[in-house]
Amino acid sequence: MYNFNFFFKSFSNWYIQCEQELITEHSRIPYQCIGKPEDVAEAILFLADRKRSNYIVGHQLVIDGGASLQMPLVADSLKIFGTVAAEAMQKK
């Protein structure tokens, strides 16, 4: 059996180019913290570990400190992912 999971990441400090951008992005994130690469890596490692996440299938994991709560279009990605996953399963 194949597990299909999907993750999203939001702004991370490696994209910020100036202090003003950092301040602006900080204020947009409910968690009030810009994500680090390690934040995304830990979640991916969890999903990749079949012992810990074996029963998690088709999950949409948003790693953004709550920023997507202000963007309803992110919810549409689950429908898109479902279509892609279904097509992949048909090819098997």
PDB file of N, CA and C in Angstrom:
ATOM      1  N   MET A   1       0.835  -1.174   0.000  1.00  0.00           N
ATOM      2  CA  MET A   1       0.000   0.000   0.000  1.00  0.00           C
ATOM      3  C   MET A   1       0.882   1.240   0.000  1.00  0.00           C
ATOM      4  N   TYR A   2       0.428   2.259  -0.684  1.00  0.00           N
ATOM      5  CA  TYR A   2       1.152   3.520  -0.747  1.00  0.00           C
ATOM      6  C   TYR A   2       0.452   4.550   0.118  1.00  0.00           C
ATOM      7  N   ASN A   3       1.225   5.338   0.827  1.00  0.00           N
ATOM      8  CA  ASN A   3       0.678   6.452   1.592  1.00  0.00           C
ATOM      9  C   ASN A   3       0.895   7.725   0.794  1.00  0.00           C
ATOM     10  N   PHE A   4      -0.160   8.479   0.604  1.00  0.00           N
ATOM     11  CA  PHE A   4      -0.056   9.764  -0.077  1.00  0.00           C
ATOM     12  C   PHE A   4      -0.355  10.853   0.926  1.00  0.00           C
ATOM     13  N   ASN A   5       0.603  11.684   1.198  1.00  0.00           N
ATOM     14  CA  ASN A   5       0.417  12.824   2.080  1.00  0.00           C
ATOM     15  C   ASN A   5       0.978  14.041   1.375  1.00  0.00           C
ATOM     16  N   PHE A   6       0.546  15.167   1.800  1.00  0.00           N
ATOM     17  CA  PHE A   6       0.886  16.410   1.126  1.00  0.00           C
ATOM     18  C   PHE A   6       1.200  17.444   2.181  1.00  0.00           C
ATOM     19  N   PHE A   7       2.192  18.267   1.956  1.00  0.00           N
ATOM     20  CA  PHE A   7       2.475  19.321   2.921  1.00  0.00           C
ATOM     21  C   PHE A   7       2.646  20.647   2.211  1.00  0.00           C
ATOM     22  N   PHE A   8       2.335  21.683   2.951  1.00  0.00           N
ATOM     23  CA  PHE A   8       2.520  23.049   2.469  1.00  0.00           C
ATOM     24  C   PHE A   8       3.410  23.759   3.458  1.00  0.00           C
ATOM     25  N   LYS A   9       4.230  24.606   2.947  1.00  0.00           N
ATOM     26  CA  LYS A   9       4.997  25.450   3.854  1.00  0.00           C
ATOM     27  C   LYS A   9       4.717  26.897   3.499  1.00  0.00           C
ATOM     28  N   SER A  10       4.875  27.731   4.476  1.00  0.00           N
ATOM     29  CA  SER A  10       4.632  29.152   4.268  1.00  0.00           C
ATOM     30  C   SER A  10       5.968  29.867   4.174  1.00  0.00           C
ATOM     31  N   PHE A  11       5.930  31.154   4.411  1.00  0.00           N
ATOM     32  CA  PHE A  11       7.161  31.932   4.366  1.00  0.00           C
ATOM     33  C   PHE A  11       8.173  31.381   5.350  1.00  0.00           C
ATOM     34  N   SER A  12       9.395  31.400   4.965  1.00  0.00           N
ATOM     35  CA  SER A  12      10.473  30.969   5.838  1.00  0.00           C
ATOM     36  C   SER A  12      11.533  32.049   5.822  1.00  0.00           C
ATOM     37  N   ASN A  13      12.343  32.071   6.852  1.00  0.00           N
ATOM     38  CA  ASN A  13      13.306  33.157   6.973  1.00  0.00           C
ATOM     39  C   ASN A  13      14.351  33.181   5.862  1.00  0.00           C
ATOM     40  N   TRP A  14      14.523  32.102   5.097  1.00  0.00           N
ATOM     41  CA  TRP A  14      15.522  32.128   4.035  1.00  0.00           C
ATOM     42  C   TRP A  14      15.020  32.880   2.801  1.00  0.00           C
ATOM     43  N   TYR A  15      13.723  33.257   2.763  1.00  0.00           N
ATOM     44  CA  TYR A  15      13.199  34.049   1.653  1.00  0.00           C
ATOM     45  C   TYR A  15      13.186  35.550   1.962  1.00  0.00           C
ATOM     46  N   ILE A  16      13.334  35.894   3.199  1.00  0.00           N
ATOM     47  CA  ILE A  16      13.236  37.290   3.611  1.00  0.00           C
ATOM     48  C   ILE A  16      14.512  38.023   3.213  1.00  0.00           C
ATOM     49  N   GLN A  17      14.325  39.165   2.534  1.00  0.00           N
ATOM     50  CA  GLN A  17      15.485  39.886   2.012  1.00  0.00           C
ATOM     51  C   GLN A  17      15.851  41.121   2.818  1.00  0.00           C
ATOM     52  N   CYS A  18      14.916  41.684   3.557  1.00  0.00           N
ATOM     53  CA  CYS A  18      15.254  42.875   4.331  1.00  0.00           C
ATOM     54  C   CYS A  18      14.473  42.869   5.644  1.00  0.00           C
ATOM     55  N   GLU A  19      14.892  43.706   6.551  1.00  0.00           N
ATOM     56  CA  GLU A  19      14.283  43.768   7.877  1.00  0.00           C
ATOM     57  C   GLU A  19      12.795  44.112   7.808  1.00  0.00           C
ATOM     58  N   GLN A  20      12.422  45.018   6.898  1.00  0.00           N
ATOM     59  CA  GLN A  20      11.017  45.404   6.786  1.00  0.00           C
ATOM     60  C   GLN A  20      10.149  44.219   6.343  1.00  0.00           C
ATOM     61  N   GLU A  21      10.651  43.403   5.412  1.00  0.00           N
ATOM     62  CA  GLU A  21       9.904  42.209   4.995  1.00  0.00           C
ATOM     63  C   GLU A  21       9.704  41.270   6.179  1.00  0.00           C
ATOM     64  N   LEU A  22      10.725  41.130   6.995  1.00  0.00           N
ATOM     65  CA  LEU A  22      10.639  40.262   8.165  1.00  0.00           C
ATOM     66  C   LEU A  22       9.551  40.747   9.117  1.00  0.00           C
ATOM     67  N   ILE A  23       9.519  42.038   9.366  1.00  0.00           N
ATOM     68  CA  ILE A  23       8.513  42.618  10.260  1.00  0.00           C
ATOM     69  C   ILE A  23       7.116  42.423   9.681  1.00  0.00           C
ATOM     70  N   THR A  24       6.970  42.658   8.377  1.00  0.00           N
ATOM     71  CA  THR A  24       5.671  42.507   7.719  1.00  0.00           C
ATOM     72  C   THR A  24       5.184  41.067   7.795  1.00  0.00           C
ATOM     73  N   GLU A  25       6.041  40.120   7.462  1.00  0.00           N
ATOM     74  CA  GLU A  25       5.641  38.713   7.484  1.00  0.00           C
ATOM     75  C   GLU A  25       5.337  38.240   8.904  1.00  0.00           C
ATOM     76  N   HIS A  26       6.117  38.694   9.869  1.00  0.00           N
ATOM     77  CA  HIS A  26       5.891  38.340  11.269  1.00  0.00           C
ATOM     78  C   HIS A  26       4.478  38.706  11.686  1.00  0.00           C
ATOM     79  N   SER A  27       4.026  39.892  11.289  1.00  0.00           N
ATOM     80  CA  SER A  27       2.710  40.372  11.707  1.00  0.00           C
ATOM     81  C   SER A  27       1.570  39.612  11.032  1.00  0.00           C
ATOM     82  N   ARG A  28       1.823  38.953   9.923  1.00  0.00           N
ATOM     83  CA  ARG A  28       0.787  38.210   9.198  1.00  0.00           C
ATOM     84  C   ARG A  28       0.583  36.791   9.713  1.00  0.00           C
ATOM     85  N   ILE A  29       1.502  36.295  10.493  1.00  0.00           N
ATOM     86  CA  ILE A  29       1.450  34.906  10.952  1.00  0.00           C
ATOM     87  C   ILE A  29       0.901  34.865  12.375  1.00  0.00           C
ATOM     88  N   PRO A  30      -0.221  34.187  12.595  1.00  0.00           N
ATOM     89  CA  PRO A  30      -0.795  34.124  13.942  1.00  0.00           C
ATOM     90  C   PRO A  30       0.186  33.621  15.011  1.00  0.00           C
ATOM     91  N   TYR A  31       1.063  32.699  14.656  1.00  0.00           N
ATOM     92  CA  TYR A  31       2.041  32.173  15.608  1.00  0.00           C
ATOM     93  C   TYR A  31       3.117  33.204  15.938  1.00  0.00           C
ATOM     94  N   GLN A  32       3.172  34.284  15.135  1.00  0.00           N
ATOM     95  CA  GLN A  32       4.121  35.390  15.322  1.00  0.00           C
ATOM     96  C   GLN A  32       5.578  34.945  15.231  1.00  0.00           C
ATOM     97  N   CYS A  33       5.828  34.007  14.337  1.00  0.00           N
ATOM     98  CA  CYS A  33       7.186  33.506  14.156  1.00  0.00           C
ATOM     99  C   CYS A  33       7.343  33.019  12.724  1.00  0.00           C
ATOM    100  N   ILE A  34       8.431  33.379  12.077  1.00  0.00           N
ATOM    101  CA  ILE A  34       8.725  32.910  10.726  1.00  0.00           C
ATOM    102  C   ILE A  34       9.276  31.487  10.830  1.00  0.00           C
ATOM    103  N   GLY A  35       8.781  30.605   9.982  1.00  0.00           N
ATOM    104  CA  GLY A  35       9.229  29.218  10.012  1.00  0.00           C
ATOM    105  C   GLY A  35      10.681  29.051   9.598  1.00  0.00           C
ATOM    106  N   LYS A  36      11.295  28.013  10.139  1.00  0.00           N
ATOM    107  CA  LYS A  36      12.674  27.666   9.800  1.00  0.00           C
ATOM    108  C   LYS A  36      12.659  26.379   8.979  1.00  0.00           C
ATOM    109  N   PRO A  37      13.697  26.129   8.207  1.00  0.00           N
ATOM    110  CA  PRO A  37      13.754  24.876   7.442  1.00  0.00           C
ATOM    111  C   PRO A  37      13.548  23.649   8.330  1.00  0.00           C
ATOM    112  N   GLU A  38      14.018  23.715   9.562  1.00  0.00           N
ATOM    113  CA  GLU A  38      13.882  22.588  10.480  1.00  0.00           C
ATOM    114  C   GLU A  38      12.417  22.292  10.796  1.00  0.00           C
ATOM    115  N   ASP A  39      11.575  23.331  10.809  1.00  0.00           N
ATOM    116  CA  ASP A  39      10.153  23.128  11.089  1.00  0.00           C
ATOM    117  C   ASP A  39       9.520  22.242  10.024  1.00  0.00           C
ATOM    118  N   VAL A  40       9.861  22.491   8.784  1.00  0.00           N
ATOM    119  CA  VAL A  40       9.331  21.703   7.674  1.00  0.00           C
ATOM    120  C   VAL A  40       9.966  20.311   7.675  1.00  0.00           C
ATOM    121  N   ALA A  41      11.260  20.250   7.900  1.00  0.00           N
ATOM    122  CA  ALA A  41      11.979  18.971   7.868  1.00  0.00           C
ATOM    123  C   ALA A  41      11.438  17.993   8.907  1.00  0.00           C
ATOM    124  N   GLU A  42      11.140  18.468  10.102  1.00  0.00           N
ATOM    125  CA  GLU A  42      10.623  17.581  11.151  1.00  0.00           C
ATOM    126  C   GLU A  42       9.287  16.967  10.749  1.00  0.00           C
ATOM    127  N   ALA A  43       8.431  17.761  10.141  1.00  0.00           N
ATOM    128  CA  ALA A  43       7.130  17.243   9.711  1.00  0.00           C
ATOM    129  C   ALA A  43       7.292  16.214   8.596  1.00  0.00           C
ATOM    130  N   ILE A  44       8.177  16.488   7.666  1.00  0.00           N
ATOM    131  CA  ILE A  44       8.412  15.550   6.561  1.00  0.00           C
ATOM    132  C   ILE A  44       9.010  14.247   7.084  1.00  0.00           C
ATOM    133  N   LEU A  45       9.938  14.354   8.021  1.00  0.00           N
ATOM    134  CA  LEU A  45      10.520  13.143   8.611  1.00  0.00           C
ATOM    135  C   LEU A  45       9.455  12.306   9.320  1.00  0.00           C
ATOM    136  N   PHE A  46       8.534  12.975   9.988  1.00  0.00           N
ATOM    137  CA  PHE A  46       7.448  12.250  10.647  1.00  0.00           C
ATOM    138  C   PHE A  46       6.607  11.490   9.626  1.00  0.00           C
ATOM    139  N   LEU A  47       6.207  12.154   8.542  1.00  0.00           N
ATOM    140  CA  LEU A  47       5.391  11.495   7.526  1.00  0.00           C
ATOM    141  C   LEU A  47       6.152  10.380   6.811  1.00  0.00           C
ATOM    142  N   ALA A  48       7.459  10.528   6.687  1.00  0.00           N
ATOM    143  CA  ALA A  48       8.267   9.517   6.002  1.00  0.00           C
ATOM    144  C   ALA A  48       8.500   8.279   6.868  1.00  0.00           C
ATOM    145  N   ASP A  49       8.342   8.419   8.162  1.00  0.00           N
ATOM    146  CA  ASP A  49       8.551   7.307   9.086  1.00  0.00           C
ATOM    147  C   ASP A  49       7.288   6.444   9.130  1.00  0.00           C
ATOM    148  N   ARG A  50       7.315   5.321   8.447  1.00  0.00           N
ATOM    149  CA  ARG A  50       6.118   4.468   8.334  1.00  0.00           C
ATOM    150  C   ARG A  50       5.671   3.918   9.689  1.00  0.00           C
ATOM    151  N   LYS A  51       6.591   3.769  10.615  1.00  0.00           N
ATOM    152  CA  LYS A  51       6.215   3.268  11.939  1.00  0.00           C
ATOM    153  C   LYS A  51       5.334   4.283  12.668  1.00  0.00           C
ATOM    154  N   ARG A  52       5.649   5.554  12.518  1.00  0.00           N
ATOM    155  CA  ARG A  52       4.907   6.602  13.221  1.00  0.00           C
ATOM    156  C   ARG A  52       3.689   7.105  12.459  1.00  0.00           C
ATOM    157  N   SER A  53       3.739   7.063  11.137  1.00  0.00           N
ATOM    158  CA  SER A  53       2.654   7.683  10.366  1.00  0.00           C
ATOM    159  C   SER A  53       1.986   6.723   9.390  1.00  0.00           C
ATOM    160  N   ASN A  54       2.098   5.441   9.639  1.00  0.00           N
ATOM    161  CA  ASN A  54       1.589   4.448   8.701  1.00  0.00           C
ATOM    162  C   ASN A  54       0.105   4.611   8.384  1.00  0.00           C
ATOM    163  N   TYR A  55      -0.692   5.002   9.356  1.00  0.00           N
ATOM    164  CA  TYR A  55      -2.138   5.093   9.148  1.00  0.00           C
ATOM    165  C   TYR A  55      -2.574   6.486   8.688  1.00  0.00           C
ATOM    166  N   ILE A  56      -1.639   7.378   8.478  1.00  0.00           N
ATOM    167  CA  ILE A  56      -1.952   8.719   7.983  1.00  0.00           C
ATOM    168  C   ILE A  56      -1.856   8.670   6.467  1.00  0.00           C
ATOM    169  N   VAL A  57      -3.000   8.787   5.819  1.00  0.00           N
ATOM    170  CA  VAL A  57      -3.059   8.690   4.356  1.00  0.00           C
ATOM    171  C   VAL A  57      -3.899   9.842   3.821  1.00  0.00           C
ATOM    172  N   GLY A  58      -3.402  10.509   2.803  1.00  0.00           N
ATOM    173  CA  GLY A  58      -4.160  11.584   2.166  1.00  0.00           C
ATOM    174  C   GLY A  58      -4.298  12.824   3.020  1.00  0.00           C
ATOM    175  N   HIS A  59      -3.382  13.015   3.916  1.00  0.00           N
ATOM    176  CA  HIS A  59      -3.458  14.163   4.820  1.00  0.00           C
ATOM    177  C   HIS A  59      -2.821  15.388   4.191  1.00  0.00           C
ATOM    178  N   GLN A  60      -3.426  16.510   4.422  1.00  0.00           N
ATOM    179  CA  GLN A  60      -2.888  17.794   3.969  1.00  0.00           C
ATOM    180  C   GLN A  60      -2.299  18.488   5.188  1.00  0.00           C
ATOM    181  N   LEU A  61      -0.997  18.508   5.272  1.00  0.00           N
ATOM    182  CA  LEU A  61      -0.322  19.099   6.418  1.00  0.00           C
ATOM    183  C   LEU A  61       0.178  20.483   6.029  1.00  0.00           C
ATOM    184  N   VAL A  62      -0.382  21.479   6.657  1.00  0.00           N
ATOM    185  CA  VAL A  62      -0.002  22.857   6.363  1.00  0.00           C
ATOM    186  C   VAL A  62       0.955  23.306   7.451  1.00  0.00           C
ATOM    187  N   ILE A  63       2.159  23.669   7.052  1.00  0.00           N
ATOM    188  CA  ILE A  63       3.204  24.057   8.000  1.00  0.00           C
ATOM    189  C   ILE A  63       3.448  25.549   7.811  1.00  0.00           C
ATOM    190  N   ASP A  64       2.672  26.363   8.510  1.00  0.00           N
ATOM    191  CA  ASP A  64       2.753  27.800   8.242  1.00  0.00           C
ATOM    192  C   ASP A  64       2.480  28.684   9.452  1.00  0.00           C
ATOM    193  N   GLY A  65       2.485  28.119  10.644  1.00  0.00           N
ATOM    194  CA  GLY A  65       2.260  28.932  11.832  1.00  0.00           C
ATOM    195  C   GLY A  65       0.872  29.550  11.899  1.00  0.00           C
ATOM    196  N   GLY A  66      -0.054  29.018  11.126  1.00  0.00           N
ATOM    197  CA  GLY A  66      -1.421  29.527  11.119  1.00  0.00           C
ATOM    198  C   GLY A  66      -1.713  30.548  10.038  1.00  0.00           C
ATOM    199  N   ALA A  67      -0.731  30.875   9.200  1.00  0.00           N
ATOM    200  CA  ALA A  67      -0.926  31.900   8.167  1.00  0.00           C
ATOM    201  C   ALA A  67      -2.034  31.537   7.189  1.00  0.00           C
ATOM    202  N   SER A  68      -2.209  30.257   6.903  1.00  0.00           N
ATOM    203  CA  SER A  68      -3.222  29.847   5.927  1.00  0.00           C
ATOM    204  C   SER A  68      -4.642  30.043   6.441  1.00  0.00           C
ATOM    205  N   LEU A  69      -4.800  30.259   7.722  1.00  0.00           N
ATOM    206  CA  LEU A  69      -6.134  30.518   8.255  1.00  0.00           C
ATOM    207  C   LEU A  69      -6.728  31.776   7.640  1.00  0.00           C
ATOM    208  N   GLN A  70      -5.872  32.617   7.102  1.00  0.00           N
ATOM    209  CA  GLN A  70      -6.303  33.856   6.464  1.00  0.00           C
ATOM    210  C   GLN A  70      -6.434  33.700   4.954  1.00  0.00           C
ATOM    211  N   MET A  71      -6.133  32.521   4.412  1.00  0.00           N
ATOM    212  CA  MET A  71      -6.159  32.286   2.968  1.00  0.00           C
ATOM    213  C   MET A  71      -7.038  31.081   2.661  1.00  0.00           C
ATOM    214  N   PRO A  72      -8.323  31.269   2.375  1.00  0.00           N
ATOM    215  CA  PRO A  72      -9.206  30.122   2.151  1.00  0.00           C
ATOM    216  C   PRO A  72      -8.850  29.269   0.940  1.00  0.00           C
ATOM    217  N   LEU A  73      -8.076  29.769  -0.005  1.00  0.00           N
ATOM    218  CA  LEU A  73      -7.735  28.992  -1.190  1.00  0.00           C
ATOM    219  C   LEU A  73      -6.870  27.781  -0.873  1.00  0.00           C
ATOM    220  N   VAL A  74      -6.178  27.803   0.242  1.00  0.00           N
ATOM    221  CA  VAL A  74      -5.350  26.660   0.620  1.00  0.00           C
ATOM    222  C   VAL A  74      -6.224  25.426   0.798  1.00  0.00           C
ATOM    223  N   ALA A  75      -7.440  25.604   1.277  1.00  0.00           N
ATOM    224  CA  ALA A  75      -8.346  24.473   1.476  1.00  0.00           C
ATOM    225  C   ALA A  75      -8.678  23.784   0.158  1.00  0.00           C
ATOM    226  N   ASP A  76      -8.656  24.516  -0.949  1.00  0.00           N
ATOM    227  CA  ASP A  76      -8.948  23.924  -2.256  1.00  0.00           C
ATOM    228  C   ASP A  76      -7.880  22.930  -2.691  1.00  0.00           C
ATOM    229  N   SER A  77      -6.705  23.017  -2.109  1.00  0.00           N
ATOM    230  CA  SER A  77      -5.621  22.130  -2.519  1.00  0.00           C
ATOM    231  C   SER A  77      -5.937  20.671  -2.206  1.00  0.00           C
ATOM    232  N   LEU A  78      -6.747  20.421  -1.175  1.00  0.00           N
ATOM    233  CA  LEU A  78      -7.103  19.039  -0.849  1.00  0.00           C
ATOM    234  C   LEU A  78      -7.873  18.409  -1.997  1.00  0.00           C
ATOM    235  N   LYS A  79      -8.771  19.166  -2.617  1.00  0.00           N
ATOM    236  CA  LYS A  79      -9.525  18.646  -3.757  1.00  0.00           C
ATOM    237  C   LYS A  79      -8.575  18.372  -4.920  1.00  0.00           C
ATOM    238  N   ILE A  80      -7.638  19.271  -5.158  1.00  0.00           N
ATOM    239  CA  ILE A  80      -6.663  19.090  -6.239  1.00  0.00           C
ATOM    240  C   ILE A  80      -5.807  17.861  -5.963  1.00  0.00           C
ATOM    241  N   PHE A  81      -5.324  17.726  -4.737  1.00  0.00           N
ATOM    242  CA  PHE A  81      -4.490  16.589  -4.376  1.00  0.00           C
ATOM    243  C   PHE A  81      -5.256  15.282  -4.529  1.00  0.00           C
ATOM    244  N   GLY A  82      -6.528  15.281  -4.148  1.00  0.00           N
ATOM    245  CA  GLY A  82      -7.342  14.078  -4.279  1.00  0.00           C
ATOM    246  C   GLY A  82      -7.433  13.613  -5.713  1.00  0.00           C
ATOM    247  N   THR A  83      -7.556  14.555  -6.639  1.00  0.00           N
ATOM    248  CA  THR A  83      -7.614  14.224  -8.062  1.00  0.00           C
ATOM    249  C   THR A  83      -6.294  13.624  -8.526  1.00  0.00           C
ATOM    250  N   VAL A  84      -5.195  14.232  -8.125  1.00  0.00           N
ATOM    251  CA  VAL A  84      -3.867  13.748  -8.517  1.00  0.00           C
ATOM    252  C   VAL A  84      -3.618  12.355  -7.939  1.00  0.00           C
ATOM    253  N   ALA A  85      -3.969  12.150  -6.682  1.00  0.00           N
ATOM    254  CA  ALA A  85      -3.764  10.844  -6.043  1.00  0.00           C
ATOM    255  C   ALA A  85      -4.610   9.768  -6.722  1.00  0.00           C
ATOM    256  N   ALA A  86      -5.845  10.107  -7.065  1.00  0.00           N
ATOM    257  CA  ALA A  86      -6.717   9.133  -7.731  1.00  0.00           C
ATOM    258  C   ALA A  86      -6.154   8.736  -9.091  1.00  0.00           C
ATOM    259  N   GLU A  87      -5.639   9.707  -9.826  1.00  0.00           N
ATOM    260  CA  GLU A  87      -5.033   9.413 -11.130  1.00  0.00           C
ATOM    261  C   GLU A  87      -3.802   8.529 -10.970  1.00  0.00           C
ATOM    262  N   ALA A  88      -3.007   8.790  -9.939  1.00  0.00           N
ATOM    263  CA  ALA A  88      -1.804   7.984  -9.698  1.00  0.00           C
ATOM    264  C   ALA A  88      -2.179   6.543  -9.361  1.00  0.00           C
ATOM    265  N   MET A  89      -3.226   6.365  -8.590  1.00  0.00           N
ATOM    266  CA  MET A  89      -3.657   5.016  -8.218  1.00  0.00           C
ATOM    267  C   MET A  89      -4.200   4.253  -9.427  1.00  0.00           C
ATOM    268  N   GLN A  90      -4.839   4.951 -10.351  1.00  0.00           N
ATOM    269  CA  GLN A  90      -5.371   4.304 -11.550  1.00  0.00           C
ATOM    270  C   GLN A  90      -4.256   3.807 -12.461  1.00  0.00           C
ATOM    271  N   LYS A  91      -3.114   4.480 -12.429  1.00  0.00           N
ATOM    272  CA  LYS A  91      -1.985   4.086 -13.280  1.00  0.00           C
ATOM    273  C   LYS A  91      -1.301   2.829 -12.756  1.00  0.00           C
ATOM    274  N   LYS A  92      -1.525   2.477 -11.513  1.00  0.00           N
ATOM    275  CA  LYS A  92      -0.878   1.297 -10.911  1.00  0.00           C
ATOM    276  C   LYS A  92      -1.478   0.023 -11.421  1.00  0.00           C
TER     277      LYS A  92
END
